[in-house]
Amino acid sequence: MTEISQGELITDITPIAFNLGSVVLTRGMDELCGGNHALLLPLLNRHDNCDWGNCYPEDAIQNNWATHNKLRIMSVYEFLGEAVWIITESDRSVTTILLPTEY
């Protein structure tokens, strides 16, 4: 667990590598990419490299913190004109690619 020293801000936390676990996607995402799941690899790579995409700044800070503390990580991207979420569970067992309407 990462400790914060007095005077250190949570915004100063640099994310660290984390496990994706099994990567799954929802039916809506399967339909959106027309079954060509390789199209989603750039988004998954961004998530895996701690590029949180279009999430709010405070959510990006939370994600950075989460990489150190085994909390849920959520990224937001645009894909074919649609918002897409990628969520890695806190236990790092699974990462899900989904549409916000499927949450």
PDB file of N, CA and C in Angstrom:
ATOM      1  N   MET A   1       0.844  -1.175   0.000  1.00  0.00           N
ATOM      2  CA  MET A   1       0.000   0.000   0.000  1.00  0.00           C
ATOM      3  C   MET A   1       0.888   1.236   0.000  1.00  0.00           C
ATOM      4  N   THR A   2       0.555   2.209  -0.810  1.00  0.00           N
ATOM      5  CA  THR A   2       1.322   3.431  -0.884  1.00  0.00           C
ATOM      6  C   THR A   2       0.978   4.328   0.286  1.00  0.00           C
ATOM      7  N   GLU A   3       1.998   4.862   0.907  1.00  0.00           N
ATOM      8  CA  GLU A   3       1.768   5.797   1.997  1.00  0.00           C
ATOM      9  C   GLU A   3       2.042   7.202   1.493  1.00  0.00           C
ATOM     10  N   ILE A   4       1.277   8.136   1.986  1.00  0.00           N
ATOM     11  CA  ILE A   4       1.456   9.536   1.620  1.00  0.00           C
ATOM     12  C   ILE A   4       2.110  10.242   2.792  1.00  0.00           C
ATOM     13  N   SER A   5       3.236  10.874   2.503  1.00  0.00           N
ATOM     14  CA  SER A   5       3.918  11.615   3.560  1.00  0.00           C
ATOM     15  C   SER A   5       3.259  12.969   3.730  1.00  0.00           C
ATOM     16  N   GLN A   6       3.511  13.587   4.860  1.00  0.00           N
ATOM     17  CA  GLN A   6       2.922  14.894   5.130  1.00  0.00           C
ATOM     18  C   GLN A   6       3.393  15.872   4.062  1.00  0.00           C
ATOM     19  N   GLY A   7       2.488  16.593   3.481  1.00  0.00           N
ATOM     20  CA  GLY A   7       2.807  17.577   2.452  1.00  0.00           C
ATOM     21  C   GLY A   7       2.706  17.025   1.039  1.00  0.00           C
ATOM     22  N   GLU A   8       2.690  15.697   0.882  1.00  0.00           N
ATOM     23  CA  GLU A   8       2.550  15.106  -0.443  1.00  0.00           C
ATOM     24  C   GLU A   8       1.074  15.131  -0.824  1.00  0.00           C
ATOM     25  N   LEU A   9       0.806  15.472  -2.046  1.00  0.00           N
ATOM     26  CA  LEU A   9      -0.568  15.518  -2.519  1.00  0.00           C
ATOM     27  C   LEU A   9      -0.899  14.233  -3.255  1.00  0.00           C
ATOM     28  N   ILE A  10      -2.128  13.793  -3.142  1.00  0.00           N
ATOM     29  CA  ILE A  10      -2.555  12.595  -3.858  1.00  0.00           C
ATOM     30  C   ILE A  10      -2.415  12.797  -5.364  1.00  0.00           C
ATOM     31  N   THR A  11      -2.462  14.045  -5.832  1.00  0.00           N
ATOM     32  CA  THR A  11      -2.318  14.321  -7.259  1.00  0.00           C
ATOM     33  C   THR A  11      -0.914  14.045  -7.759  1.00  0.00           C
ATOM     34  N   ASP A  12       0.049  13.883  -6.860  1.00  0.00           N
ATOM     35  CA  ASP A  12       1.439  13.633  -7.242  1.00  0.00           C
ATOM     36  C   ASP A  12       1.744  12.150  -7.433  1.00  0.00           C
ATOM     37  N   ILE A  13       0.774  11.292  -7.280  1.00  0.00           N
ATOM     38  CA  ILE A  13       1.015   9.851  -7.364  1.00  0.00           C
ATOM     39  C   ILE A  13       1.164   9.428  -8.822  1.00  0.00           C
ATOM     40  N   THR A  14       2.252   8.749  -9.110  1.00  0.00           N
ATOM     41  CA  THR A  14       2.499   8.201 -10.439  1.00  0.00           C
ATOM     42  C   THR A  14       1.935   6.787 -10.479  1.00  0.00           C
ATOM     43  N   PRO A  15       1.142   6.474 -11.490  1.00  0.00           N
ATOM     44  CA  PRO A  15       0.573   5.126 -11.545  1.00  0.00           C
ATOM     45  C   PRO A  15       1.657   4.077 -11.783  1.00  0.00           C
ATOM     46  N   ILE A  16       1.365   2.861 -11.349  1.00  0.00           N
ATOM     47  CA  ILE A  16       2.279   1.744 -11.573  1.00  0.00           C
ATOM     48  C   ILE A  16       1.553   0.668 -12.382  1.00  0.00           C
ATOM     49  N   ALA A  17       2.324  -0.231 -12.955  1.00  0.00           N
ATOM     50  CA  ALA A  17       1.753  -1.313 -13.752  1.00  0.00           C
ATOM     51  C   ALA A  17       0.791  -2.147 -12.901  1.00  0.00           C
ATOM     52  N   PHE A  18      -0.226  -2.678 -13.550  1.00  0.00           N
ATOM     53  CA  PHE A  18      -1.211  -3.516 -12.867  1.00  0.00           C
ATOM     54  C   PHE A  18      -1.631  -4.624 -13.820  1.00  0.00           C
ATOM     55  N   ASN A  19      -2.153  -5.695 -13.270  1.00  0.00           N
ATOM     56  CA  ASN A  19      -2.624  -6.825 -14.077  1.00  0.00           C
ATOM     57  C   ASN A  19      -4.029  -6.557 -14.589  1.00  0.00           C
ATOM     58  N   LEU A  20      -4.269  -6.925 -15.834  1.00  0.00           N
ATOM     59  CA  LEU A  20      -5.598  -6.791 -16.407  1.00  0.00           C
ATOM     60  C   LEU A  20      -6.492  -7.967 -16.054  1.00  0.00           C
ATOM     61  N   GLY A  21      -5.909  -9.115 -15.717  1.00  0.00           N
ATOM     62  CA  GLY A  21      -6.693 -10.319 -15.522  1.00  0.00           C
ATOM     63  C   GLY A  21      -7.241 -10.784 -16.857  1.00  0.00           C
ATOM     64  N   SER A  22      -8.363 -11.474 -16.832  1.00  0.00           N
ATOM     65  CA  SER A  22      -9.026 -11.888 -18.070  1.00  0.00           C
ATOM     66  C   SER A  22      -9.692 -10.668 -18.687  1.00  0.00           C
ATOM     67  N   VAL A  23      -9.571 -10.519 -19.984  1.00  0.00           N
ATOM     68  CA  VAL A  23     -10.197  -9.391 -20.679  1.00  0.00           C
ATOM     69  C   VAL A  23     -11.456  -9.898 -21.373  1.00  0.00           C
ATOM     70  N   VAL A  24     -12.578  -9.255 -21.054  1.00  0.00           N
ATOM     71  CA  VAL A  24     -13.872  -9.623 -21.628  1.00  0.00           C
ATOM     72  C   VAL A  24     -14.546  -8.374 -22.179  1.00  0.00           C
ATOM     73  N   LEU A  25     -15.526  -8.585 -23.052  1.00  0.00           N
ATOM     74  CA  LEU A  25     -16.307  -7.456 -23.544  1.00  0.00           C
ATOM     75  C   LEU A  25     -17.772  -7.844 -23.580  1.00  0.00           C
ATOM     76  N   THR A  26     -18.594  -6.837 -23.573  1.00  0.00           N
ATOM     77  CA  THR A  26     -20.037  -7.033 -23.550  1.00  0.00           C
ATOM     78  C   THR A  26     -20.569  -7.254 -24.961  1.00  0.00           C
ATOM     79  N   ARG A  27     -21.813  -7.679 -25.036  1.00  0.00           N
ATOM     80  CA  ARG A  27     -22.460  -7.882 -26.343  1.00  0.00           C
ATOM     81  C   ARG A  27     -22.513  -6.587 -27.145  1.00  0.00           C
ATOM     82  N   GLY A  28     -22.795  -5.506 -26.461  1.00  0.00           N
ATOM     83  CA  GLY A  28     -22.862  -4.216 -27.152  1.00  0.00           C
ATOM     84  C   GLY A  28     -21.537  -3.841 -27.788  1.00  0.00           C
ATOM     85  N   MET A  29     -20.448  -4.108 -27.083  1.00  0.00           N
ATOM     86  CA  MET A  29     -19.118  -3.822 -27.640  1.00  0.00           C
ATOM     87  C   MET A  29     -18.811  -4.760 -28.795  1.00  0.00           C
ATOM     88  N   ASP A  30     -19.217  -6.026 -28.671  1.00  0.00           N
ATOM     89  CA  ASP A  30     -19.011  -6.982 -29.751  1.00  0.00           C
ATOM     90  C   ASP A  30     -19.736  -6.513 -31.011  1.00  0.00           C
ATOM     91  N   GLU A  31     -20.961  -6.043 -30.831  1.00  0.00           N
ATOM     92  CA  GLU A  31     -21.731  -5.534 -31.965  1.00  0.00           C
ATOM     93  C   GLU A  31     -21.102  -4.269 -32.541  1.00  0.00           C
ATOM     94  N   LEU A  32     -20.659  -3.364 -31.679  1.00  0.00           N
ATOM     95  CA  LEU A  32     -20.080  -2.102 -32.137  1.00  0.00           C
ATOM     96  C   LEU A  32     -18.833  -2.335 -32.989  1.00  0.00           C
ATOM     97  N   CYS A  33     -17.997  -3.288 -32.602  1.00  0.00           N
ATOM     98  CA  CYS A  33     -16.774  -3.535 -33.373  1.00  0.00           C
ATOM     99  C   CYS A  33     -16.990  -4.593 -34.448  1.00  0.00           C
ATOM    100  N   GLY A  34     -18.234  -5.021 -34.622  1.00  0.00           N
ATOM    101  CA  GLY A  34     -18.548  -5.989 -35.662  1.00  0.00           C
ATOM    102  C   GLY A  34     -17.837  -7.318 -35.487  1.00  0.00           C
ATOM    103  N   GLY A  35     -17.553  -7.674 -34.236  1.00  0.00           N
ATOM    104  CA  GLY A  35     -16.868  -8.923 -33.958  1.00  0.00           C
ATOM    105  C   GLY A  35     -15.364  -8.877 -34.177  1.00  0.00           C
ATOM    106  N   ASN A  36     -14.850  -7.752 -34.672  1.00  0.00           N
ATOM    107  CA  ASN A  36     -13.407  -7.593 -34.903  1.00  0.00           C
ATOM    108  C   ASN A  36     -12.775  -7.023 -33.635  1.00  0.00           C
ATOM    109  N   HIS A  37     -12.521  -7.874 -32.680  1.00  0.00           N
ATOM    110  CA  HIS A  37     -12.043  -7.458 -31.362  1.00  0.00           C
ATOM    111  C   HIS A  37     -10.663  -6.821 -31.414  1.00  0.00           C
ATOM    112  N   ALA A  38      -9.898  -7.108 -32.439  1.00  0.00           N
ATOM    113  CA  ALA A  38      -8.566  -6.495 -32.583  1.00  0.00           C
ATOM    114  C   ALA A  38      -8.665  -4.975 -32.676  1.00  0.00           C
ATOM    115  N   LEU A  39      -9.800  -4.455 -33.122  1.00  0.00           N
ATOM    116  CA  LEU A  39      -9.986  -3.002 -33.189  1.00  0.00           C
ATOM    117  C   LEU A  39      -9.939  -2.356 -31.813  1.00  0.00           C
ATOM    118  N   LEU A  40     -10.186  -3.147 -30.773  1.00  0.00           N
ATOM    119  CA  LEU A  40     -10.214  -2.622 -29.412  1.00  0.00           C
ATOM    120  C   LEU A  40      -8.842  -2.616 -28.748  1.00  0.00           C
ATOM    121  N   LEU A  41      -7.862  -3.257 -29.365  1.00  0.00           N
ATOM    122  CA  LEU A  41      -6.531  -3.351 -28.758  1.00  0.00           C
ATOM    123  C   LEU A  41      -5.893  -1.995 -28.459  1.00  0.00           C
ATOM    124  N   PRO A  42      -6.013  -0.990 -29.335  1.00  0.00           N
ATOM    125  CA  PRO A  42      -5.430   0.318 -28.974  1.00  0.00           C
ATOM    126  C   PRO A  42      -6.012   0.900 -27.687  1.00  0.00           C
ATOM    127  N   LEU A  43      -7.309   0.722 -27.475  1.00  0.00           N
ATOM    128  CA  LEU A  43      -7.931   1.214 -26.240  1.00  0.00           C
ATOM    129  C   LEU A  43      -7.424   0.426 -25.047  1.00  0.00           C
ATOM    130  N   LEU A  44      -7.366  -0.886 -25.184  1.00  0.00           N
ATOM    131  CA  LEU A  44      -6.889  -1.735 -24.096  1.00  0.00           C
ATOM    132  C   LEU A  44      -5.432  -1.431 -23.767  1.00  0.00           C
ATOM    133  N   ASN A  45      -4.634  -1.179 -24.784  1.00  0.00           N
ATOM    134  CA  ASN A  45      -3.226  -0.814 -24.551  1.00  0.00           C
ATOM    135  C   ASN A  45      -3.113   0.510 -23.811  1.00  0.00           C
ATOM    136  N   ARG A  46      -3.951   1.466 -24.162  1.00  0.00           N
ATOM    137  CA  ARG A  46      -3.937   2.751 -23.442  1.00  0.00           C
ATOM    138  C   ARG A  46      -4.271   2.541 -21.964  1.00  0.00           C
ATOM    139  N   HIS A  47      -5.310   1.767 -21.711  1.00  0.00           N
ATOM    140  CA  HIS A  47      -5.717   1.471 -20.329  1.00  0.00           C
ATOM    141  C   HIS A  47      -4.571   0.776 -19.589  1.00  0.00           C
ATOM    142  N   ASP A  48      -3.977  -0.209 -20.220  1.00  0.00           N
ATOM    143  CA  ASP A  48      -2.883  -0.973 -19.613  1.00  0.00           C
ATOM    144  C   ASP A  48      -1.662  -0.100 -19.343  1.00  0.00           C
ATOM    145  N   ASN A  49      -1.504   0.963 -20.118  1.00  0.00           N
ATOM    146  CA  ASN A  49      -0.367   1.879 -19.945  1.00  0.00           C
ATOM    147  C   ASN A  49      -0.727   3.117 -19.124  1.00  0.00           C
ATOM    148  N   CYS A  50      -1.832   3.034 -18.391  1.00  0.00           N
ATOM    149  CA  CYS A  50      -2.258   4.091 -17.459  1.00  0.00           C
ATOM    150  C   CYS A  50      -2.605   5.403 -18.152  1.00  0.00           C
ATOM    151  N   ASP A  51      -3.064   5.327 -19.390  1.00  0.00           N
ATOM    152  CA  ASP A  51      -3.637   6.476 -20.084  1.00  0.00           C
ATOM    153  C   ASP A  51      -5.141   6.328 -19.908  1.00  0.00           C
ATOM    154  N   TRP A  52      -5.717   7.121 -19.039  1.00  0.00           N
ATOM    155  CA  TRP A  52      -7.109   6.947 -18.629  1.00  0.00           C
ATOM    156  C   TRP A  52      -8.102   7.561 -19.593  1.00  0.00           C
ATOM    157  N   GLY A  53      -7.628   8.110 -20.682  1.00  0.00           N
ATOM    158  CA  GLY A  53      -8.516   8.611 -21.725  1.00  0.00           C
ATOM    159  C   GLY A  53      -9.246   9.873 -21.331  1.00  0.00           C
ATOM    160  N   ASN A  54     -10.550   9.868 -21.553  1.00  0.00           N
ATOM    161  CA  ASN A  54     -11.389  11.053 -21.388  1.00  0.00           C
ATOM    162  C   ASN A  54     -12.099  11.124 -20.042  1.00  0.00           C
ATOM    163  N   CYS A  55     -11.584  10.441 -19.042  1.00  0.00           N
ATOM    164  CA  CYS A  55     -12.242  10.507 -17.731  1.00  0.00           C
ATOM    165  C   CYS A  55     -11.965  11.874 -17.085  1.00  0.00           C
ATOM    166  N   TYR A  56     -12.751  12.202 -16.107  1.00  0.00           N
ATOM    167  CA  TYR A  56     -12.571  13.458 -15.385  1.00  0.00           C
ATOM    168  C   TYR A  56     -11.212  13.455 -14.680  1.00  0.00           C
ATOM    169  N   PRO A  57     -10.590  14.635 -14.515  1.00  0.00           N
ATOM    170  CA  PRO A  57      -9.277  14.693 -13.853  1.00  0.00           C
ATOM    171  C   PRO A  57      -9.266  14.038 -12.476  1.00  0.00           C
ATOM    172  N   GLU A  58     -10.325  14.217 -11.702  1.00  0.00           N
ATOM    173  CA  GLU A  58     -10.350  13.610 -10.372  1.00  0.00           C
ATOM    174  C   GLU A  58     -10.431  12.078 -10.461  1.00  0.00           C
ATOM    175  N   ASP A  59     -11.055  11.562 -11.529  1.00  0.00           N
ATOM    176  CA  ASP A  59     -11.095  10.113 -11.735  1.00  0.00           C
ATOM    177  C   ASP A  59      -9.722   9.584 -12.156  1.00  0.00           C
ATOM    178  N   ALA A  60      -8.991  10.365 -12.931  1.00  0.00           N
ATOM    179  CA  ALA A  60      -7.627   9.980 -13.314  1.00  0.00           C
ATOM    180  C   ALA A  60      -6.733   9.899 -12.073  1.00  0.00           C
ATOM    181  N   ILE A  61      -6.890  10.838 -11.179  1.00  0.00           N
ATOM    182  CA  ILE A  61      -6.122  10.825  -9.918  1.00  0.00           C
ATOM    183  C   ILE A  61      -6.486   9.587  -9.110  1.00  0.00           C
ATOM    184  N   GLN A  62      -7.782   9.284  -9.040  1.00  0.00           N
ATOM    185  CA  GLN A  62      -8.235   8.093  -8.319  1.00  0.00           C
ATOM    186  C   GLN A  62      -7.665   6.823  -8.958  1.00  0.00           C
ATOM    187  N   ASN A  63      -7.626   6.780 -10.289  1.00  0.00           N
ATOM    188  CA  ASN A  63      -7.048   5.621 -10.970  1.00  0.00           C
ATOM    189  C   ASN A  63      -5.570   5.465 -10.629  1.00  0.00           C
ATOM    190  N   ASN A  64      -4.835   6.572 -10.617  1.00  0.00           N
ATOM    191  CA  ASN A  64      -3.415   6.503 -10.253  1.00  0.00           C
ATOM    192  C   ASN A  64      -3.255   5.917  -8.857  1.00  0.00           C
ATOM    193  N   TRP A  65      -4.074   6.383  -7.937  1.00  0.00           N
ATOM    194  CA  TRP A  65      -4.064   5.889  -6.559  1.00  0.00           C
ATOM    195  C   TRP A  65      -4.441   4.402  -6.533  1.00  0.00           C
ATOM    196  N   ALA A  66      -5.434   4.047  -7.343  1.00  0.00           N
ATOM    197  CA  ALA A  66      -5.930   2.670  -7.378  1.00  0.00           C
ATOM    198  C   ALA A  66      -4.870   1.674  -7.830  1.00  0.00           C
ATOM    199  N   THR A  67      -3.957   2.101  -8.702  1.00  0.00           N
ATOM    200  CA  THR A  67      -2.906   1.173  -9.145  1.00  0.00           C
ATOM    201  C   THR A  67      -2.009   0.753  -7.988  1.00  0.00           C
ATOM    202  N   HIS A  68      -1.885   1.593  -6.975  1.00  0.00           N
ATOM    203  CA  HIS A  68      -1.057   1.296  -5.801  1.00  0.00           C
ATOM    204  C   HIS A  68      -1.830   0.555  -4.713  1.00  0.00           C
ATOM    205  N   ASN A  69      -3.148   0.656  -4.749  1.00  0.00           N
ATOM    206  CA  ASN A  69      -3.955   0.208  -3.616  1.00  0.00           C
ATOM    207  C   ASN A  69      -5.024  -0.819  -3.959  1.00  0.00           C
ATOM    208  N   LYS A  70      -4.873  -1.472  -5.093  1.00  0.00           N
ATOM    209  CA  LYS A  70      -5.801  -2.545  -5.491  1.00  0.00           C
ATOM    210  C   LYS A  70      -7.263  -2.108  -5.417  1.00  0.00           C
ATOM    211  N   LEU A  71      -7.546  -0.963  -6.022  1.00  0.00           N
ATOM    212  CA  LEU A  71      -8.914  -0.478  -6.158  1.00  0.00           C
ATOM    213  C   LEU A  71      -9.316  -0.579  -7.628  1.00  0.00           C
ATOM    214  N   ARG A  72     -10.590  -0.444  -7.903  1.00  0.00           N
ATOM    215  CA  ARG A  72     -11.096  -0.511  -9.278  1.00  0.00           C
ATOM    216  C   ARG A  72     -10.504   0.613 -10.121  1.00  0.00           C
ATOM    217  N   ILE A  73     -10.202   0.309 -11.374  1.00  0.00           N
ATOM    218  CA  ILE A  73      -9.643   1.279 -12.322  1.00  0.00           C
ATOM    219  C   ILE A  73     -10.609   1.394 -13.493  1.00  0.00           C
ATOM    220  N   MET A  74     -10.926   2.632 -13.879  1.00  0.00           N
ATOM    221  CA  MET A  74     -11.876   2.843 -14.970  1.00  0.00           C
ATOM    222  C   MET A  74     -11.360   3.898 -15.934  1.00  0.00           C
ATOM    223  N   SER A  75     -11.322   3.546 -17.208  1.00  0.00           N
ATOM    224  CA  SER A  75     -10.927   4.472 -18.268  1.00  0.00           C
ATOM    225  C   SER A  75     -12.125   4.759 -19.158  1.00  0.00           C
ATOM    226  N   VAL A  76     -12.077   5.899 -19.833  1.00  0.00           N
ATOM    227  CA  VAL A  76     -13.147   6.313 -20.740  1.00  0.00           C
ATOM    228  C   VAL A  76     -12.516   6.715 -22.068  1.00  0.00           C
ATOM    229  N   TYR A  77     -13.013   6.145 -23.158  1.00  0.00           N
ATOM    230  CA  TYR A  77     -12.480   6.449 -24.485  1.00  0.00           C
ATOM    231  C   TYR A  77     -13.629   6.657 -25.461  1.00  0.00           C
ATOM    232  N   GLU A  78     -13.296   7.152 -26.635  1.00  0.00           N
ATOM    233  CA  GLU A  78     -14.258   7.240 -27.719  1.00  0.00           C
ATOM    234  C   GLU A  78     -13.858   6.224 -28.769  1.00  0.00           C
ATOM    235  N   PHE A  79     -14.826   5.481 -29.266  1.00  0.00           N
ATOM    236  CA  PHE A  79     -14.592   4.457 -30.275  1.00  0.00           C
ATOM    237  C   PHE A  79     -15.763   4.459 -31.241  1.00  0.00           C
ATOM    238  N   LEU A  80     -15.487   4.714 -32.496  1.00  0.00           N
ATOM    239  CA  LEU A  80     -16.520   4.766 -33.528  1.00  0.00           C
ATOM    240  C   LEU A  80     -17.679   5.673 -33.126  1.00  0.00           C
ATOM    241  N   GLY A  81     -17.346   6.802 -32.527  1.00  0.00           N
ATOM    242  CA  GLY A  81     -18.348   7.793 -32.141  1.00  0.00           C
ATOM    243  C   GLY A  81     -19.101   7.492 -30.864  1.00  0.00           C
ATOM    244  N   GLU A  82     -18.743   6.436 -30.181  1.00  0.00           N
ATOM    245  CA  GLU A  82     -19.416   6.036 -28.942  1.00  0.00           C
ATOM    246  C   GLU A  82     -18.451   6.118 -27.765  1.00  0.00           C
ATOM    247  N   ALA A  83     -18.988   6.458 -26.600  1.00  0.00           N
ATOM    248  CA  ALA A  83     -18.193   6.385 -25.372  1.00  0.00           C
ATOM    249  C   ALA A  83     -18.027   4.914 -25.009  1.00  0.00           C
ATOM    250  N   VAL A  84     -16.808   4.573 -24.581  1.00  0.00           N
ATOM    251  CA  VAL A  84     -16.488   3.206 -24.182  1.00  0.00           C
ATOM    252  C   VAL A  84     -15.806   3.260 -22.825  1.00  0.00           C
ATOM    253  N   TRP A  85     -16.210   2.386 -21.946  1.00  0.00           N
ATOM    254  CA  TRP A  85     -15.565   2.266 -20.639  1.00  0.00           C
ATOM    255  C   TRP A  85     -14.731   0.994 -20.615  1.00  0.00           C
ATOM    256  N   ILE A  86     -13.579   1.072 -19.958  1.00  0.00           N
ATOM    257  CA  ILE A  86     -12.791  -0.114 -19.649  1.00  0.00           C
ATOM    258  C   ILE A  86     -12.593  -0.113 -18.138  1.00  0.00           C
ATOM    259  N   ILE A  87     -13.017  -1.193 -17.499  1.00  0.00           N
ATOM    260  CA  ILE A  87     -12.972  -1.291 -16.043  1.00  0.00           C
ATOM    261  C   ILE A  87     -12.167  -2.519 -15.638  1.00  0.00           C
ATOM    262  N   THR A  88     -11.138  -2.299 -14.830  1.00  0.00           N
ATOM    263  CA  THR A  88     -10.387  -3.399 -14.220  1.00  0.00           C
ATOM    264  C   THR A  88     -10.825  -3.494 -12.769  1.00  0.00           C
ATOM    265  N   GLU A  89     -11.265  -4.681 -12.382  1.00  0.00           N
ATOM    266  CA  GLU A  89     -11.773  -4.887 -11.029  1.00  0.00           C
ATOM    267  C   GLU A  89     -10.652  -4.805 -10.003  1.00  0.00           C
ATOM    268  N   SER A  90     -11.030  -4.505  -8.786  1.00  0.00           N
ATOM    269  CA  SER A  90     -10.050  -4.283  -7.716  1.00  0.00           C
ATOM    270  C   SER A  90      -9.178  -5.500  -7.436  1.00  0.00           C
ATOM    271  N   ASP A  91      -9.715  -6.696  -7.633  1.00  0.00           N
ATOM    272  CA  ASP A  91      -8.908  -7.895  -7.391  1.00  0.00           C
ATOM    273  C   ASP A  91      -8.060  -8.283  -8.608  1.00  0.00           C
ATOM    274  N   ARG A  92      -8.156  -7.483  -9.673  1.00  0.00           N
ATOM    275  CA  ARG A  92      -7.388  -7.657 -10.919  1.00  0.00           C
ATOM    276  C   ARG A  92      -7.695  -8.983 -11.611  1.00  0.00           C
ATOM    277  N   SER A  93      -8.862  -9.539 -11.352  1.00  0.00           N
ATOM    278  CA  SER A  93      -9.241 -10.808 -11.968  1.00  0.00           C
ATOM    279  C   SER A  93      -9.788 -10.628 -13.379  1.00  0.00           C
ATOM    280  N   VAL A  94     -10.373  -9.464 -13.651  1.00  0.00           N
ATOM    281  CA  VAL A  94     -11.011  -9.262 -14.951  1.00  0.00           C
ATOM    282  C   VAL A  94     -11.008  -7.782 -15.320  1.00  0.00           C
ATOM    283  N   THR A  95     -10.875  -7.540 -16.616  1.00  0.00           N
ATOM    284  CA  THR A  95     -11.034  -6.211 -17.193  1.00  0.00           C
ATOM    285  C   THR A  95     -12.157  -6.318 -18.220  1.00  0.00           C
ATOM    286  N   THR A  96     -13.144  -5.429 -18.118  1.00  0.00           N
ATOM    287  CA  THR A  96     -14.307  -5.471 -18.985  1.00  0.00           C
ATOM    288  C   THR A  96     -14.342  -4.233 -19.868  1.00  0.00           C
ATOM    289  N   ILE A  97     -14.585  -4.455 -21.167  1.00  0.00           N
ATOM    290  CA  ILE A  97     -14.777  -3.369 -22.126  1.00  0.00           C
ATOM    291  C   ILE A  97     -16.279  -3.306 -22.403  1.00  0.00           C
ATOM    292  N   LEU A  98     -16.868  -2.151 -22.149  1.00  0.00           N
ATOM    293  CA  LEU A  98     -18.324  -2.042 -22.242  1.00  0.00           C
ATOM    294  C   LEU A  98     -18.778  -0.652 -22.643  1.00  0.00           C
ATOM    295  N   LEU A  99     -20.015  -0.587 -23.062  1.00  0.00           N
ATOM    296  CA  LEU A  99     -20.676   0.694 -23.296  1.00  0.00           C
ATOM    297  C   LEU A  99     -21.260   1.172 -21.968  1.00  0.00           C
ATOM    298  N   PRO A 100     -21.279   2.482 -21.734  1.00  0.00           N
ATOM    299  CA  PRO A 100     -21.839   2.981 -20.472  1.00  0.00           C
ATOM    300  C   PRO A 100     -23.270   2.515 -20.226  1.00  0.00           C
ATOM    301  N   THR A 101     -24.050   2.337 -21.269  1.00  0.00           N
ATOM    302  CA  THR A 101     -25.437   1.898 -21.103  1.00  0.00           C
ATOM    303  C   THR A 101     -25.538   0.459 -20.623  1.00  0.00           C
ATOM    304  N   GLU A 102     -24.429  -0.282 -20.650  1.00  0.00           N
ATOM    305  CA  GLU A 102     -24.442  -1.683 -20.231  1.00  0.00           C
ATOM    306  C   GLU A 102     -23.962  -1.862 -18.794  1.00  0.00           C
ATOM    307  N   TYR A 103     -23.642  -0.771 -18.131  1.00  0.00           N
ATOM    308  CA  TYR A 103     -23.125  -0.861 -16.763  1.00  0.00           C
ATOM    309  C   TYR A 103     -24.220  -1.243 -15.802  1.00  0.00           C
TER     310      TYR A 103
END
